[in-house]
Amino acid sequence: MAAKDFKPVFKELKSMLTGYAKKMDVAVDKDDGYGLNVKEEYAKGQNFFAAAQVRKNYVSYYLMPVYLYPELLEDMSPELKKRMQGKSCFNFSKVEEGTMAELDALTKKSYEKFVAEGLV
């Protein structure tokens, strides 16, 4: 069976993170994974921010701020909620414009929360 092509999904999710790379440390930058950590001087014991990772049946998007600050999820749509697995992971098997735009906005809100908390 041919492997599924998740390149468009990964590209879309990775693009949500690359704008923050100058203010954080790029922990992983591969064809199937991209992740950001807060710079060590700001870490306060928590340095993981977010990552996109190609899996067998989908691409996972991990967003640690929503685990630490669940109030960030209060306005989440039912569509994005369906993509959520656990407390901070969202899975996608195809590009979903509206849902991914909402996830992009949630990533921005999460970054702003980390800034407000002195983590960036």
PDB file of N, CA and C in Angstrom:
ATOM      1  N   MET A   1       0.843  -1.182   0.000  1.00  0.00           N
ATOM      2  CA  MET A   1       0.000   0.000   0.000  1.00  0.00           C
ATOM      3  C   MET A   1       0.886   1.242   0.000  1.00  0.00           C
ATOM      4  N   ALA A   2       0.582   2.200  -0.838  1.00  0.00           N
ATOM      5  CA  ALA A   2       1.375   3.422  -0.940  1.00  0.00           C
ATOM      6  C   ALA A   2       1.189   4.288   0.303  1.00  0.00           C
ATOM      7  N   ALA A   3       2.258   4.946   0.704  1.00  0.00           N
ATOM      8  CA  ALA A   3       2.181   5.853   1.841  1.00  0.00           C
ATOM      9  C   ALA A   3       1.326   7.060   1.475  1.00  0.00           C
ATOM     10  N   LYS A   4       0.589   7.551   2.444  1.00  0.00           N
ATOM     11  CA  LYS A   4      -0.249   8.722   2.207  1.00  0.00           C
ATOM     12  C   LYS A   4       0.637   9.954   2.108  1.00  0.00           C
ATOM     13  N   ASP A   5       0.247  10.873   1.237  1.00  0.00           N
ATOM     14  CA  ASP A   5       1.017  12.101   1.053  1.00  0.00           C
ATOM     15  C   ASP A   5       0.432  13.199   1.937  1.00  0.00           C
ATOM     16  N   PHE A   6       1.097  13.429   3.039  1.00  0.00           N
ATOM     17  CA  PHE A   6       0.656  14.466   3.960  1.00  0.00           C
ATOM     18  C   PHE A   6       1.486  15.742   3.827  1.00  0.00           C
ATOM     19  N   LYS A   7       2.278  15.859   2.746  1.00  0.00           N
ATOM     20  CA  LYS A   7       3.130  17.041   2.573  1.00  0.00           C
ATOM     21  C   LYS A   7       2.344  18.345   2.608  1.00  0.00           C
ATOM     22  N   PRO A   8       1.195  18.445   1.916  1.00  0.00           N
ATOM     23  CA  PRO A   8       0.443  19.708   1.978  1.00  0.00           C
ATOM     24  C   PRO A   8      -0.046  20.032   3.396  1.00  0.00           C
ATOM     25  N   VAL A   9      -0.447  19.007   4.127  1.00  0.00           N
ATOM     26  CA  VAL A   9      -0.920  19.210   5.501  1.00  0.00           C
ATOM     27  C   VAL A   9       0.246  19.657   6.380  1.00  0.00           C
ATOM     28  N   PHE A  10       1.365  18.953   6.280  1.00  0.00           N
ATOM     29  CA  PHE A  10       2.542  19.309   7.069  1.00  0.00           C
ATOM     30  C   PHE A  10       3.008  20.721   6.732  1.00  0.00           C
ATOM     31  N   LYS A  11       3.043  21.054   5.449  1.00  0.00           N
ATOM     32  CA  LYS A  11       3.478  22.390   5.023  1.00  0.00           C
ATOM     33  C   LYS A  11       2.592  23.468   5.645  1.00  0.00           C
ATOM     34  N   GLU A  12       1.297  23.241   5.640  1.00  0.00           N
ATOM     35  CA  GLU A  12       0.350  24.201   6.212  1.00  0.00           C
ATOM     36  C   GLU A  12       0.563  24.365   7.714  1.00  0.00           C
ATOM     37  N   LEU A  13       0.714  23.263   8.418  1.00  0.00           N
ATOM     38  CA  LEU A  13       0.902  23.325   9.867  1.00  0.00           C
ATOM     39  C   LEU A  13       2.264  23.917  10.231  1.00  0.00           C
ATOM     40  N   LYS A  14       3.288  23.547   9.491  1.00  0.00           N
ATOM     41  CA  LYS A  14       4.622  24.105   9.740  1.00  0.00           C
ATOM     42  C   LYS A  14       4.617  25.616   9.538  1.00  0.00           C
ATOM     43  N   SER A  15       3.883  26.082   8.532  1.00  0.00           N
ATOM     44  CA  SER A  15       3.845  27.524   8.253  1.00  0.00           C
ATOM     45  C   SER A  15       3.259  28.316   9.415  1.00  0.00           C
ATOM     46  N   MET A  16       2.458  27.671  10.250  1.00  0.00           N
ATOM     47  CA  MET A  16       1.908  28.341  11.432  1.00  0.00           C
ATOM     48  C   MET A  16       2.985  28.620  12.471  1.00  0.00           C
ATOM     49  N   LEU A  17       4.081  27.894  12.406  1.00  0.00           N
ATOM     50  CA  LEU A  17       5.130  27.996  13.419  1.00  0.00           C
ATOM     51  C   LEU A  17       6.351  28.788  12.981  1.00  0.00           C
ATOM     52  N   THR A  18       6.648  28.797  11.700  1.00  0.00           N
ATOM     53  CA  THR A  18       7.924  29.373  11.253  1.00  0.00           C
ATOM     54  C   THR A  18       8.057  30.856  11.576  1.00  0.00           C
ATOM     55  N   GLY A  19       6.964  31.571  11.668  1.00  0.00           N
ATOM     56  CA  GLY A  19       7.027  32.991  12.004  1.00  0.00           C
ATOM     57  C   GLY A  19       7.527  33.265  13.410  1.00  0.00           C
ATOM     58  N   TYR A  20       7.485  32.271  14.262  1.00  0.00           N
ATOM     59  CA  TYR A  20       7.936  32.434  15.648  1.00  0.00           C
ATOM     60  C   TYR A  20       9.374  31.959  15.855  1.00  0.00           C
ATOM     61  N   ALA A  21       9.990  31.433  14.819  1.00  0.00           N
ATOM     62  CA  ALA A  21      11.314  30.810  14.943  1.00  0.00           C
ATOM     63  C   ALA A  21      12.397  31.779  15.393  1.00  0.00           C
ATOM     64  N   LYS A  22      12.304  33.042  15.015  1.00  0.00           N
ATOM     65  CA  LYS A  22      13.350  33.999  15.398  1.00  0.00           C
ATOM     66  C   LYS A  22      13.341  34.296  16.894  1.00  0.00           C
ATOM     67  N   LYS A  23      12.194  34.094  17.530  1.00  0.00           N
ATOM     68  CA  LYS A  23      12.087  34.386  18.955  1.00  0.00           C
ATOM     69  C   LYS A  23      12.213  33.134  19.818  1.00  0.00           C
ATOM     70  N   MET A  24      12.348  31.978  19.155  1.00  0.00           N
ATOM     71  CA  MET A  24      12.452  30.703  19.869  1.00  0.00           C
ATOM     72  C   MET A  24      13.590  29.883  19.277  1.00  0.00           C
ATOM     73  N   ASP A  25      13.794  28.715  19.839  1.00  0.00           N
ATOM     74  CA  ASP A  25      14.787  27.784  19.308  1.00  0.00           C
ATOM     75  C   ASP A  25      14.083  26.749  18.443  1.00  0.00           C
ATOM     76  N   VAL A  26      14.601  26.539  17.242  1.00  0.00           N
ATOM     77  CA  VAL A  26      14.071  25.483  16.378  1.00  0.00           C
ATOM     78  C   VAL A  26      14.675  24.174  16.874  1.00  0.00           C
ATOM     79  N   ALA A  27      13.849  23.336  17.469  1.00  0.00           N
ATOM     80  CA  ALA A  27      14.316  22.074  18.044  1.00  0.00           C
ATOM     81  C   ALA A  27      14.429  20.986  16.989  1.00  0.00           C
ATOM     82  N   VAL A  28      13.519  21.011  16.014  1.00  0.00           N
ATOM     83  CA  VAL A  28      13.481  20.010  14.945  1.00  0.00           C
ATOM     84  C   VAL A  28      13.102  20.714  13.655  1.00  0.00           C
ATOM     85  N   ASP A  29      13.811  20.410  12.582  1.00  0.00           N
ATOM     86  CA  ASP A  29      13.455  20.932  11.258  1.00  0.00           C
ATOM     87  C   ASP A  29      13.819  19.868  10.227  1.00  0.00           C
ATOM     88  N   LYS A  30      12.872  18.963  10.002  1.00  0.00           N
ATOM     89  CA  LYS A  30      13.063  17.855   9.064  1.00  0.00           C
ATOM     90  C   LYS A  30      11.900  17.816   8.083  1.00  0.00           C
ATOM     91  N   ASP A  31      11.984  16.921   7.115  1.00  0.00           N
ATOM     92  CA  ASP A  31      10.910  16.774   6.132  1.00  0.00           C
ATOM     93  C   ASP A  31       9.604  16.297   6.752  1.00  0.00           C
ATOM     94  N   ASP A  32       9.689  15.659   7.905  1.00  0.00           N
ATOM     95  CA  ASP A  32       8.478  15.115   8.526  1.00  0.00           C
ATOM     96  C   ASP A  32       8.222  15.653   9.931  1.00  0.00           C
ATOM     97  N   GLY A  33       8.966  16.680  10.333  1.00  0.00           N
ATOM     98  CA  GLY A  33       8.758  17.240  11.657  1.00  0.00           C
ATOM     99  C   GLY A  33       9.374  18.613  11.809  1.00  0.00           C
ATOM    100  N   TYR A  34       8.696  19.459  12.574  1.00  0.00           N
ATOM    101  CA  TYR A  34       9.192  20.803  12.853  1.00  0.00           C
ATOM    102  C   TYR A  34       8.717  21.167  14.252  1.00  0.00           C
ATOM    103  N   GLY A  35       9.632  21.645  15.089  1.00  0.00           N
ATOM    104  CA  GLY A  35       9.247  21.987  16.452  1.00  0.00           C
ATOM    105  C   GLY A  35       9.997  23.182  16.996  1.00  0.00           C
ATOM    106  N   LEU A  36       9.331  23.896  17.886  1.00  0.00           N
ATOM    107  CA  LEU A  36       9.905  25.080  18.514  1.00  0.00           C
ATOM    108  C   LEU A  36       9.928  24.933  20.030  1.00  0.00           C
ATOM    109  N   ASN A  37      11.023  25.361  20.616  1.00  0.00           N
ATOM    110  CA  ASN A  37      11.158  25.457  22.067  1.00  0.00           C
ATOM    111  C   ASN A  37      11.396  26.910  22.431  1.00  0.00           C
ATOM    112  N   VAL A  38      10.980  27.282  23.636  1.00  0.00           N
ATOM    113  CA  VAL A  38      11.322  28.612  24.115  1.00  0.00           C
ATOM    114  C   VAL A  38      12.811  28.635  24.412  1.00  0.00           C
ATOM    115  N   LYS A  39      13.410  29.791  24.262  1.00  0.00           N
ATOM    116  CA  LYS A  39      14.840  29.909  24.537  1.00  0.00           C
ATOM    117  C   LYS A  39      15.102  29.586  26.008  1.00  0.00           C
ATOM    118  N   GLU A  40      16.219  28.956  26.254  1.00  0.00           N
ATOM    119  CA  GLU A  40      16.548  28.445  27.592  1.00  0.00           C
ATOM    120  C   GLU A  40      16.425  29.507  28.688  1.00  0.00           C
ATOM    121  N   GLU A  41      16.810  30.741  28.397  1.00  0.00           N
ATOM    122  CA  GLU A  41      16.782  31.771  29.438  1.00  0.00           C
ATOM    123  C   GLU A  41      15.366  32.123  29.900  1.00  0.00           C
ATOM    124  N   TYR A  42      14.360  31.721  29.118  1.00  0.00           N
ATOM    125  CA  TYR A  42      12.968  31.998  29.483  1.00  0.00           C
ATOM    126  C   TYR A  42      12.219  30.749  29.949  1.00  0.00           C
ATOM    127  N   ALA A  43      12.826  29.612  29.866  1.00  0.00           N
ATOM    128  CA  ALA A  43      12.115  28.335  29.991  1.00  0.00           C
ATOM    129  C   ALA A  43      11.328  28.148  31.287  1.00  0.00           C
ATOM    130  N   LYS A  44      11.848  28.524  32.414  1.00  0.00           N
ATOM    131  CA  LYS A  44      11.163  28.344  33.698  1.00  0.00           C
ATOM    132  C   LYS A  44      10.643  26.911  33.857  1.00  0.00           C
ATOM    133  N   GLY A  45      11.421  25.949  33.432  1.00  0.00           N
ATOM    134  CA  GLY A  45      11.045  24.550  33.572  1.00  0.00           C
ATOM    135  C   GLY A  45      10.188  24.006  32.439  1.00  0.00           C
ATOM    136  N   GLN A  46       9.683  24.864  31.590  1.00  0.00           N
ATOM    137  CA  GLN A  46       8.843  24.434  30.462  1.00  0.00           C
ATOM    138  C   GLN A  46       9.402  25.075  29.203  1.00  0.00           C
ATOM    139  N   ASN A  47      10.001  24.277  28.326  1.00  0.00           N
ATOM    140  CA  ASN A  47      10.575  24.906  27.147  1.00  0.00           C
ATOM    141  C   ASN A  47       9.888  24.543  25.836  1.00  0.00           C
ATOM    142  N   PHE A  48       9.006  23.545  25.809  1.00  0.00           N
ATOM    143  CA  PHE A  48       8.348  23.152  24.568  1.00  0.00           C
ATOM    144  C   PHE A  48       7.202  24.108  24.252  1.00  0.00           C
ATOM    145  N   PHE A  49       7.178  24.615  23.017  1.00  0.00           N
ATOM    146  CA  PHE A  49       6.076  25.482  22.596  1.00  0.00           C
ATOM    147  C   PHE A  49       5.122  24.739  21.673  1.00  0.00           C
ATOM    148  N   ALA A  50       5.610  24.298  20.520  1.00  0.00           N
ATOM    149  CA  ALA A  50       4.721  23.645  19.548  1.00  0.00           C
ATOM    150  C   ALA A  50       5.533  22.849  18.536  1.00  0.00           C
ATOM    151  N   ALA A  51       4.827  21.921  17.854  1.00  0.00           N
ATOM    152  CA  ALA A  51       5.474  21.107  16.826  1.00  0.00           C
ATOM    153  C   ALA A  51       4.431  20.543  15.874  1.00  0.00           C
ATOM    154  N   ALA A  52       4.883  20.254  14.663  1.00  0.00           N
ATOM    155  CA  ALA A  52       4.087  19.519  13.676  1.00  0.00           C
ATOM    156  C   ALA A  52       4.874  18.267  13.331  1.00  0.00           C
ATOM    157  N   GLN A  53       4.196  17.122  13.303  1.00  0.00           N
ATOM    158  CA  GLN A  53       4.873  15.850  13.082  1.00  0.00           C
ATOM    159  C   GLN A  53       4.025  14.957  12.185  1.00  0.00           C
ATOM    160  N   VAL A  54       4.625  14.483  11.093  1.00  0.00           N
ATOM    161  CA  VAL A  54       3.930  13.558  10.196  1.00  0.00           C
ATOM    162  C   VAL A  54       3.879  12.188  10.862  1.00  0.00           C
ATOM    163  N   ARG A  55       2.698  11.624  10.917  1.00  0.00           N
ATOM    164  CA  ARG A  55       2.468  10.282  11.460  1.00  0.00           C
ATOM    165  C   ARG A  55       1.989   9.372  10.330  1.00  0.00           C
ATOM    166  N   LYS A  56       1.661   8.146  10.657  1.00  0.00           N
ATOM    167  CA  LYS A  56       1.245   7.175   9.642  1.00  0.00           C
ATOM    168  C   LYS A  56      -0.074   7.556   8.966  1.00  0.00           C
ATOM    169  N   ASN A  57      -1.055   8.005   9.738  1.00  0.00           N
ATOM    170  CA  ASN A  57      -2.388   8.270   9.197  1.00  0.00           C
ATOM    171  C   ASN A  57      -2.827   9.724   9.251  1.00  0.00           C
ATOM    172  N   TYR A  58      -1.970  10.604   9.724  1.00  0.00           N
ATOM    173  CA  TYR A  58      -2.315  12.022   9.852  1.00  0.00           C
ATOM    174  C   TYR A  58      -1.065  12.811  10.224  1.00  0.00           C
ATOM    175  N   VAL A  59      -1.229  14.119  10.315  1.00  0.00           N
ATOM    176  CA  VAL A  59      -0.162  14.990  10.804  1.00  0.00           C
ATOM    177  C   VAL A  59      -0.635  15.551  12.140  1.00  0.00           C
ATOM    178  N   SER A  60       0.196  15.431  13.152  1.00  0.00           N
ATOM    179  CA  SER A  60      -0.140  15.930  14.485  1.00  0.00           C
ATOM    180  C   SER A  60       0.453  17.315  14.690  1.00  0.00           C
ATOM    181  N   TYR A  61      -0.320  18.158  15.358  1.00  0.00           N
ATOM    182  CA  TYR A  61       0.109  19.508  15.714  1.00  0.00           C
ATOM    183  C   TYR A  61      -0.005  19.612  17.229  1.00  0.00           C
ATOM    184  N   TYR A  62       1.131  19.743  17.883  1.00  0.00           N
ATOM    185  CA  TYR A  62       1.175  19.819  19.337  1.00  0.00           C
ATOM    186  C   TYR A  62       1.330  21.278  19.750  1.00  0.00           C
ATOM    187  N   LEU A  63       0.487  21.737  20.649  1.00  0.00           N
ATOM    188  CA  LEU A  63       0.505  23.134  21.088  1.00  0.00           C
ATOM    189  C   LEU A  63       0.469  23.163  22.618  1.00  0.00           C
ATOM    190  N   MET A  64       1.647  23.192  23.234  1.00  0.00           N
ATOM    191  CA  MET A  64       1.765  23.079  24.679  1.00  0.00           C
ATOM    192  C   MET A  64       1.051  24.180  25.466  1.00  0.00           C
ATOM    193  N   PRO A  65       1.005  25.421  25.017  1.00  0.00           N
ATOM    194  CA  PRO A  65       0.318  26.432  25.822  1.00  0.00           C
ATOM    195  C   PRO A  65      -1.130  26.081  26.167  1.00  0.00           C
ATOM    196  N   VAL A  66      -1.841  25.368  25.295  1.00  0.00           N
ATOM    197  CA  VAL A  66      -3.237  25.033  25.609  1.00  0.00           C
ATOM    198  C   VAL A  66      -3.324  23.983  26.716  1.00  0.00           C
ATOM    199  N   TYR A  67      -2.272  23.229  26.920  1.00  0.00           N
ATOM    200  CA  TYR A  67      -2.209  22.290  28.044  1.00  0.00           C
ATOM    201  C   TYR A  67      -1.968  23.058  29.336  1.00  0.00           C
ATOM    202  N   LEU A  68      -1.061  24.009  29.285  1.00  0.00           N
ATOM    203  CA  LEU A  68      -0.717  24.795  30.471  1.00  0.00           C
ATOM    204  C   LEU A  68      -1.788  25.811  30.830  1.00  0.00           C
ATOM    205  N   TYR A  69      -2.465  26.340  29.814  1.00  0.00           N
ATOM    206  CA  TYR A  69      -3.479  27.381  30.002  1.00  0.00           C
ATOM    207  C   TYR A  69      -4.757  26.979  29.261  1.00  0.00           C
ATOM    208  N   PRO A  70      -5.539  26.051  29.813  1.00  0.00           N
ATOM    209  CA  PRO A  70      -6.714  25.532  29.106  1.00  0.00           C
ATOM    210  C   PRO A  70      -7.756  26.593  28.769  1.00  0.00           C
ATOM    211  N   GLU A  71      -7.696  27.727  29.433  1.00  0.00           N
ATOM    212  CA  GLU A  71      -8.634  28.810  29.105  1.00  0.00           C
ATOM    213  C   GLU A  71      -8.453  29.306  27.672  1.00  0.00           C
ATOM    214  N   LEU A  72      -7.316  29.027  27.072  1.00  0.00           N
ATOM    215  CA  LEU A  72      -7.097  29.400  25.669  1.00  0.00           C
ATOM    216  C   LEU A  72      -8.074  28.680  24.738  1.00  0.00           C
ATOM    217  N   LEU A  73      -8.646  27.586  25.206  1.00  0.00           N
ATOM    218  CA  LEU A  73      -9.549  26.769  24.382  1.00  0.00           C
ATOM    219  C   LEU A  73     -11.024  27.119  24.562  1.00  0.00           C
ATOM    220  N   GLU A  74     -11.326  28.099  25.397  1.00  0.00           N
ATOM    221  CA  GLU A  74     -12.719  28.400  25.723  1.00  0.00           C
ATOM    222  C   GLU A  74     -13.588  28.709  24.510  1.00  0.00           C
ATOM    223  N   ASP A  75     -13.048  29.354  23.502  1.00  0.00           N
ATOM    224  CA  ASP A  75     -13.836  29.735  22.323  1.00  0.00           C
ATOM    225  C   ASP A  75     -13.636  28.789  21.141  1.00  0.00           C
ATOM    226  N   MET A  76     -13.086  27.620  21.380  1.00  0.00           N
ATOM    227  CA  MET A  76     -12.782  26.690  20.295  1.00  0.00           C
ATOM    228  C   MET A  76     -14.069  26.182  19.638  1.00  0.00           C
ATOM    229  N   SER A  77     -14.057  26.146  18.321  1.00  0.00           N
ATOM    230  CA  SER A  77     -15.215  25.667  17.562  1.00  0.00           C
ATOM    231  C   SER A  77     -15.357  24.152  17.688  1.00  0.00           C
ATOM    232  N   PRO A  78     -16.560  23.630  17.451  1.00  0.00           N
ATOM    233  CA  PRO A  78     -16.744  22.177  17.444  1.00  0.00           C
ATOM    234  C   PRO A  78     -15.889  21.495  16.369  1.00  0.00           C
ATOM    235  N   GLU A  79     -15.660  22.179  15.249  1.00  0.00           N
ATOM    236  CA  GLU A  79     -14.852  21.608  14.164  1.00  0.00           C
ATOM    237  C   GLU A  79     -13.407  21.391  14.605  1.00  0.00           C
ATOM    238  N   LEU A  80     -12.833  22.380  15.279  1.00  0.00           N
ATOM    239  CA  LEU A  80     -11.461  22.216  15.765  1.00  0.00           C
ATOM    240  C   LEU A  80     -11.424  21.209  16.915  1.00  0.00           C
ATOM    241  N   LYS A  81     -12.430  21.222  17.746  1.00  0.00           N
ATOM    242  CA  LYS A  81     -12.508  20.266  18.861  1.00  0.00           C
ATOM    243  C   LYS A  81     -12.471  18.824  18.344  1.00  0.00           C
ATOM    244  N   LYS A  82     -13.097  18.562  17.193  1.00  0.00           N
ATOM    245  CA  LYS A  82     -13.086  17.216  16.607  1.00  0.00           C
ATOM    246  C   LYS A  82     -11.676  16.777  16.218  1.00  0.00           C
ATOM    247  N   ARG A  83     -10.803  17.718  15.919  1.00  0.00           N
ATOM    248  CA  ARG A  83      -9.427  17.424  15.521  1.00  0.00           C
ATOM    249  C   ARG A  83      -8.530  17.185  16.725  1.00  0.00           C
ATOM    250  N   MET A  84      -9.021  17.494  17.915  1.00  0.00           N
ATOM    251  CA  MET A  84      -8.201  17.434  19.124  1.00  0.00           C
ATOM    252  C   MET A  84      -8.146  16.020  19.689  1.00  0.00           C
ATOM    253  N   GLN A  85      -6.926  15.636  20.079  1.00  0.00           N
ATOM    254  CA  GLN A  85      -6.705  14.358  20.748  1.00  0.00           C
ATOM    255  C   GLN A  85      -5.905  14.656  22.004  1.00  0.00           C
ATOM    256  N   GLY A  86      -6.416  14.292  23.136  1.00  0.00           N
ATOM    257  CA  GLY A  86      -5.740  14.625  24.381  1.00  0.00           C
ATOM    258  C   GLY A  86      -5.944  16.089  24.717  1.00  0.00           C
ATOM    259  N   LYS A  87      -4.990  16.670  25.430  1.00  0.00           N
ATOM    260  CA  LYS A  87      -5.145  18.043  25.905  1.00  0.00           C
ATOM    261  C   LYS A  87      -4.431  19.083  25.058  1.00  0.00           C
ATOM    262  N   SER A  88      -3.524  18.655  24.172  1.00  0.00           N
ATOM    263  CA  SER A  88      -2.763  19.662  23.422  1.00  0.00           C
ATOM    264  C   SER A  88      -2.372  19.215  22.015  1.00  0.00           C
ATOM    265  N   CYS A  89      -3.034  18.211  21.477  1.00  0.00           N
ATOM    266  CA  CYS A  89      -2.688  17.674  20.164  1.00  0.00           C
ATOM    267  C   CYS A  89      -3.886  17.751  19.224  1.00  0.00           C
ATOM    268  N   PHE A  90      -3.618  18.176  17.996  1.00  0.00           N
ATOM    269  CA  PHE A  90      -4.637  18.263  16.952  1.00  0.00           C
ATOM    270  C   PHE A  90      -4.158  17.437  15.767  1.00  0.00           C
ATOM    271  N   ASN A  91      -5.013  16.581  15.224  1.00  0.00           N
ATOM    272  CA  ASN A  91      -4.634  15.711  14.110  1.00  0.00           C
ATOM    273  C   ASN A  91      -5.390  16.076  12.838  1.00  0.00           C
ATOM    274  N   PHE A  92      -4.649  16.114  11.716  1.00  0.00           N
ATOM    275  CA  PHE A  92      -5.225  16.452  10.415  1.00  0.00           C
ATOM    276  C   PHE A  92      -4.741  15.462   9.365  1.00  0.00           C
ATOM    277  N   SER A  93      -5.651  15.013   8.510  1.00  0.00           N
ATOM    278  CA  SER A  93      -5.266  14.153   7.388  1.00  0.00           C
ATOM    279  C   SER A  93      -5.405  14.881   6.058  1.00  0.00           C
ATOM    280  N   LYS A  94      -5.990  16.081   6.092  1.00  0.00           N
ATOM    281  CA  LYS A  94      -6.102  16.915   4.896  1.00  0.00           C
ATOM    282  C   LYS A  94      -6.128  18.375   5.326  1.00  0.00           C
ATOM    283  N   VAL A  95      -5.853  19.254   4.375  1.00  0.00           N
ATOM    284  CA  VAL A  95      -5.898  20.687   4.651  1.00  0.00           C
ATOM    285  C   VAL A  95      -7.361  21.092   4.793  1.00  0.00           C
ATOM    286  N   GLU A  96      -7.684  21.710   5.904  1.00  0.00           N
ATOM    287  CA  GLU A  96      -9.022  22.210   6.181  1.00  0.00           C
ATOM    288  C   GLU A  96      -8.895  23.707   6.458  1.00  0.00           C
ATOM    289  N   GLU A  97      -9.169  24.521   5.451  1.00  0.00           N
ATOM    290  CA  GLU A  97      -8.904  25.959   5.519  1.00  0.00           C
ATOM    291  C   GLU A  97      -9.445  26.628   6.785  1.00  0.00           C
ATOM    292  N   GLY A  98     -10.740  26.509   7.044  1.00  0.00           N
ATOM    293  CA  GLY A  98     -11.338  27.191   8.190  1.00  0.00           C
ATOM    294  C   GLY A  98     -10.785  26.718   9.516  1.00  0.00           C
ATOM    295  N   THR A  99     -10.682  25.421   9.672  1.00  0.00           N
ATOM    296  CA  THR A  99     -10.184  24.847  10.923  1.00  0.00           C
ATOM    297  C   THR A  99      -8.717  25.199  11.130  1.00  0.00           C
ATOM    298  N   MET A 100      -7.948  25.174  10.063  1.00  0.00           N
ATOM    299  CA  MET A 100      -6.527  25.504  10.190  1.00  0.00           C
ATOM    300  C   MET A 100      -6.326  26.996  10.442  1.00  0.00           C
ATOM    301  N   ALA A 101      -7.195  27.831   9.893  1.00  0.00           N
ATOM    302  CA  ALA A 101      -7.123  29.268  10.185  1.00  0.00           C
ATOM    303  C   ALA A 101      -7.398  29.502  11.670  1.00  0.00           C
ATOM    304  N   GLU A 102      -8.352  28.767  12.209  1.00  0.00           N
ATOM    305  CA  GLU A 102      -8.647  28.873  13.640  1.00  0.00           C
ATOM    306  C   GLU A 102      -7.464  28.384  14.473  1.00  0.00           C
ATOM    307  N   LEU A 103      -6.828  27.302  14.053  1.00  0.00           N
ATOM    308  CA  LEU A 103      -5.658  26.793  14.763  1.00  0.00           C
ATOM    309  C   LEU A 103      -4.503  27.788  14.687  1.00  0.00           C
ATOM    310  N   ASP A 104      -4.355  28.446  13.563  1.00  0.00           N
ATOM    311  CA  ASP A 104      -3.331  29.482  13.409  1.00  0.00           C
ATOM    312  C   ASP A 104      -3.589  30.620  14.398  1.00  0.00           C
ATOM    313  N   ALA A 105      -4.846  31.042  14.516  1.00  0.00           N
ATOM    314  CA  ALA A 105      -5.206  32.099  15.465  1.00  0.00           C
ATOM    315  C   ALA A 105      -4.970  31.635  16.908  1.00  0.00           C
ATOM    316  N   LEU A 106      -5.253  30.373  17.191  1.00  0.00           N
ATOM    317  CA  LEU A 106      -5.012  29.819  18.522  1.00  0.00           C
ATOM    318  C   LEU A 106      -3.514  29.767  18.823  1.00  0.00           C
ATOM    319  N   THR A 107      -2.713  29.476  17.823  1.00  0.00           N
ATOM    320  CA  THR A 107      -1.255  29.474  17.994  1.00  0.00           C
ATOM    321  C   THR A 107      -0.772  30.880  18.329  1.00  0.00           C
ATOM    322  N   LYS A 108      -1.317  31.873  17.638  1.00  0.00           N
ATOM    323  CA  LYS A 108      -0.949  33.274  17.914  1.00  0.00           C
ATOM    324  C   LYS A 108      -1.353  33.652  19.335  1.00  0.00           C
ATOM    325  N   LYS A 109      -2.557  33.296  19.723  1.00  0.00           N
ATOM    326  CA  LYS A 109      -3.041  33.584  21.072  1.00  0.00           C
ATOM    327  C   LYS A 109      -2.169  32.873  22.110  1.00  0.00           C
ATOM    328  N   SER A 110      -1.743  31.668  21.800  1.00  0.00           N
ATOM    329  CA  SER A 110      -0.873  30.903  22.697  1.00  0.00           C
ATOM    330  C   SER A 110       0.490  31.567  22.838  1.00  0.00           C
ATOM    331  N   TYR A 111       1.023  32.042  21.721  1.00  0.00           N
ATOM    332  CA  TYR A 111       2.300  32.752  21.752  1.00  0.00           C
ATOM    333  C   TYR A 111       2.174  34.008  22.620  1.00  0.00           C
ATOM    334  N   GLU A 112       1.093  34.750  22.413  1.00  0.00           N
ATOM    335  CA  GLU A 112       0.876  35.971  23.197  1.00  0.00           C
ATOM    336  C   GLU A 112       0.763  35.659  24.687  1.00  0.00           C
ATOM    337  N   LYS A 113       0.163  34.534  25.028  1.00  0.00           N
ATOM    338  CA  LYS A 113       0.063  34.114  26.432  1.00  0.00           C
ATOM    339  C   LYS A 113       1.449  33.793  26.983  1.00  0.00           C
ATOM    340  N   PHE A 114       2.269  33.107  26.217  1.00  0.00           N
ATOM    341  CA  PHE A 114       3.637  32.826  26.649  1.00  0.00           C
ATOM    342  C   PHE A 114       4.414  34.128  26.853  1.00  0.00           C
ATOM    343  N   VAL A 115       4.220  35.101  25.986  1.00  0.00           N
ATOM    344  CA  VAL A 115       4.877  36.405  26.143  1.00  0.00           C
ATOM    345  C   VAL A 115       4.413  37.055  27.446  1.00  0.00           C
ATOM    346  N   ALA A 116       3.101  37.071  27.671  1.00  0.00           N
ATOM    347  CA  ALA A 116       2.541  37.680  28.878  1.00  0.00           C
ATOM    348  C   ALA A 116       3.052  37.004  30.154  1.00  0.00           C
ATOM    349  N   GLU A 117       3.310  35.713  30.073  1.00  0.00           N
ATOM    350  CA  GLU A 117       3.802  34.961  31.231  1.00  0.00           C
ATOM    351  C   GLU A 117       5.325  35.020  31.359  1.00  0.00           C
ATOM    352  N   GLY A 118       5.991  35.739  30.452  1.00  0.00           N
ATOM    353  CA  GLY A 118       7.444  35.862  30.510  1.00  0.00           C
ATOM    354  C   GLY A 118       8.194  34.636  30.032  1.00  0.00           C
ATOM    355  N   LEU A 119       7.533  33.813  29.216  1.00  0.00           N
ATOM    356  CA  LEU A 119       8.168  32.590  28.717  1.00  0.00           C
ATOM    357  C   LEU A 119       8.831  32.779  27.362  1.00  0.00           C
ATOM    358  N   VAL A 120       8.644  33.927  26.763  1.00  0.00           N
ATOM    359  CA  VAL A 120       9.289  34.244  25.477  1.00  0.00           C
ATOM    360  C   VAL A 120       9.893  35.625  25.607  1.00  0.00           C
TER     361      VAL A 120
END
